[in-house]
Amino acid sequence: MIDVTKMNLRYVTDKKGIKKEVILSIKDFEKLLEDLEDLAVTAERRDEETVNHEDVIKELKRDGIL
């Protein structure tokens, strides 16, 4: 996950100095979008049954993938 405190954020303010918009690099923007997508997938799969690592390895070997 991206650490927002390490991002080089620049702000657009109104005449009163109130922050209205943020400017960030494309790289940081893309990282944020990736994190949002990961969080959305995690939320969608919240109720799915989990499978332990050993069972996954066995299944992959059985199917000839490993």
C-alpha atoms as a PDB file:
ATOM      1  CA  MET A   1       0.000   0.000   0.000  1.00  0.00           C
ATOM      2  CA  ILE A   2       1.153   3.470  -0.801  1.00  0.00           C
ATOM      3  CA  ASP A   3       2.196   5.704   2.089  1.00  0.00           C
ATOM      4  CA  VAL A   4       0.370   8.982   1.472  1.00  0.00           C
ATOM      5  CA  THR A   5       2.661  10.822   3.883  1.00  0.00           C
ATOM      6  CA  LYS A   6       5.589  10.148   1.521  1.00  0.00           C
ATOM      7  CA  MET A   7       3.792  11.516  -1.537  1.00  0.00           C
ATOM      8  CA  ASN A   8       4.727  14.899  -2.941  1.00  0.00           C
ATOM      9  CA  LEU A   9       1.255  16.420  -2.824  1.00  0.00           C
ATOM     10  CA  ARG A  10       0.554  19.954  -4.000  1.00  0.00           C
ATOM     11  CA  TYR A  11      -2.694  21.728  -3.258  1.00  0.00           C
ATOM     12  CA  VAL A  12      -4.866  24.183  -5.130  1.00  0.00           C
ATOM     13  CA  THR A  13      -6.454  26.639  -2.734  1.00  0.00           C
ATOM     14  CA  ASP A  14      -9.166  29.233  -3.034  1.00  0.00           C
ATOM     15  CA  LYS A  15      -8.709  32.928  -2.240  1.00  0.00           C
ATOM     16  CA  LYS A  16      -9.207  32.173   1.453  1.00  0.00           C
ATOM     17  CA  GLY A  17      -6.424  29.562   1.454  1.00  0.00           C
ATOM     18  CA  ILE A  18      -8.817  26.638   1.807  1.00  0.00           C
ATOM     19  CA  LYS A  19      -7.589  23.502   0.040  1.00  0.00           C
ATOM     20  CA  LYS A  20      -9.911  22.633  -2.840  1.00  0.00           C
ATOM     21  CA  GLU A  21      -7.922  20.248  -5.030  1.00  0.00           C
ATOM     22  CA  VAL A  22      -4.783  18.164  -4.936  1.00  0.00           C
ATOM     23  CA  ILE A  23      -2.056  17.686  -7.528  1.00  0.00           C
ATOM     24  CA  LEU A  24       0.001  14.505  -7.504  1.00  0.00           C
ATOM     25  CA  SER A  25       2.290  12.683  -9.899  1.00  0.00           C
ATOM     26  CA  ILE A  26       0.881  10.214 -12.407  1.00  0.00           C
ATOM     27  CA  LYS A  27       2.963   7.502 -10.720  1.00  0.00           C
ATOM     28  CA  ASP A  28       1.385   8.180  -7.314  1.00  0.00           C
ATOM     29  CA  PHE A  29      -2.079   8.488  -8.877  1.00  0.00           C
ATOM     30  CA  GLU A  30      -1.711   5.088 -10.564  1.00  0.00           C
ATOM     31  CA  LYS A  31      -0.517   3.533  -7.292  1.00  0.00           C
ATOM     32  CA  LEU A  32      -3.576   4.925  -5.509  1.00  0.00           C
ATOM     33  CA  LEU A  33      -5.871   3.537  -8.201  1.00  0.00           C
ATOM     34  CA  GLU A  34      -4.199   0.134  -7.895  1.00  0.00           C
ATOM     35  CA  ASP A  35      -4.659   0.178  -4.117  1.00  0.00           C
ATOM     36  CA  LEU A  36      -8.329   1.122  -4.530  1.00  0.00           C
ATOM     37  CA  GLU A  37      -8.837  -1.734  -6.972  1.00  0.00           C
ATOM     38  CA  ASP A  38      -7.173  -4.179  -4.567  1.00  0.00           C
ATOM     39  CA  LEU A  39      -9.392  -2.978  -1.725  1.00  0.00           C
ATOM     40  CA  ALA A  40     -12.511  -3.334  -3.892  1.00  0.00           C
ATOM     41  CA  VAL A  41     -11.588  -6.921  -4.820  1.00  0.00           C
ATOM     42  CA  THR A  42     -10.910  -7.710  -1.168  1.00  0.00           C
ATOM     43  CA  ALA A  43     -14.309  -6.315  -0.170  1.00  0.00           C
ATOM     44  CA  GLU A  44     -16.062  -8.302  -2.907  1.00  0.00           C
ATOM     45  CA  ARG A  45     -14.412 -11.522  -1.739  1.00  0.00           C
ATOM     46  CA  ARG A  46     -14.915 -10.936   1.974  1.00  0.00           C
ATOM     47  CA  ASP A  47     -17.429 -13.748   2.353  1.00  0.00           C
ATOM     48  CA  GLU A  48     -15.655 -16.303   0.164  1.00  0.00           C
ATOM     49  CA  GLU A  49     -14.337 -19.465   1.745  1.00  0.00           C
ATOM     50  CA  THR A  50     -10.589 -19.479   2.329  1.00  0.00           C
ATOM     51  CA  VAL A  51      -8.218 -22.247   1.255  1.00  0.00           C
ATOM     52  CA  ASN A  52      -4.983 -22.949   3.107  1.00  0.00           C
ATOM     53  CA  HIS A  53      -1.652 -22.743   1.309  1.00  0.00           C
ATOM     54  CA  GLU A  54      -0.865 -26.438   1.492  1.00  0.00           C
ATOM     55  CA  ASP A  55      -4.148 -27.356  -0.214  1.00  0.00           C
ATOM     56  CA  VAL A  56      -3.490 -24.866  -3.001  1.00  0.00           C
ATOM     57  CA  ILE A  57      -0.032 -26.356  -3.608  1.00  0.00           C
ATOM     58  CA  LYS A  58      -1.464 -29.884  -3.670  1.00  0.00           C
ATOM     59  CA  GLU A  59      -4.145 -28.836  -6.151  1.00  0.00           C
ATOM     60  CA  LEU A  60      -1.624 -27.084  -8.419  1.00  0.00           C
ATOM     61  CA  LYS A  61       0.623 -30.147  -8.391  1.00  0.00           C
ATOM     62  CA  ARG A  62      -2.325 -32.425  -9.059  1.00  0.00           C
ATOM     63  CA  ASP A  63      -3.317 -30.289 -12.049  1.00  0.00           C
ATOM     64  CA  GLY A  64       0.268 -30.304 -13.395  1.00  0.00           C
ATOM     65  CA  ILE A  65       0.756 -26.573 -12.921  1.00  0.00           C
ATOM     66  CA  LEU A  66       3.597 -27.036 -10.455  1.00  0.00           C
END
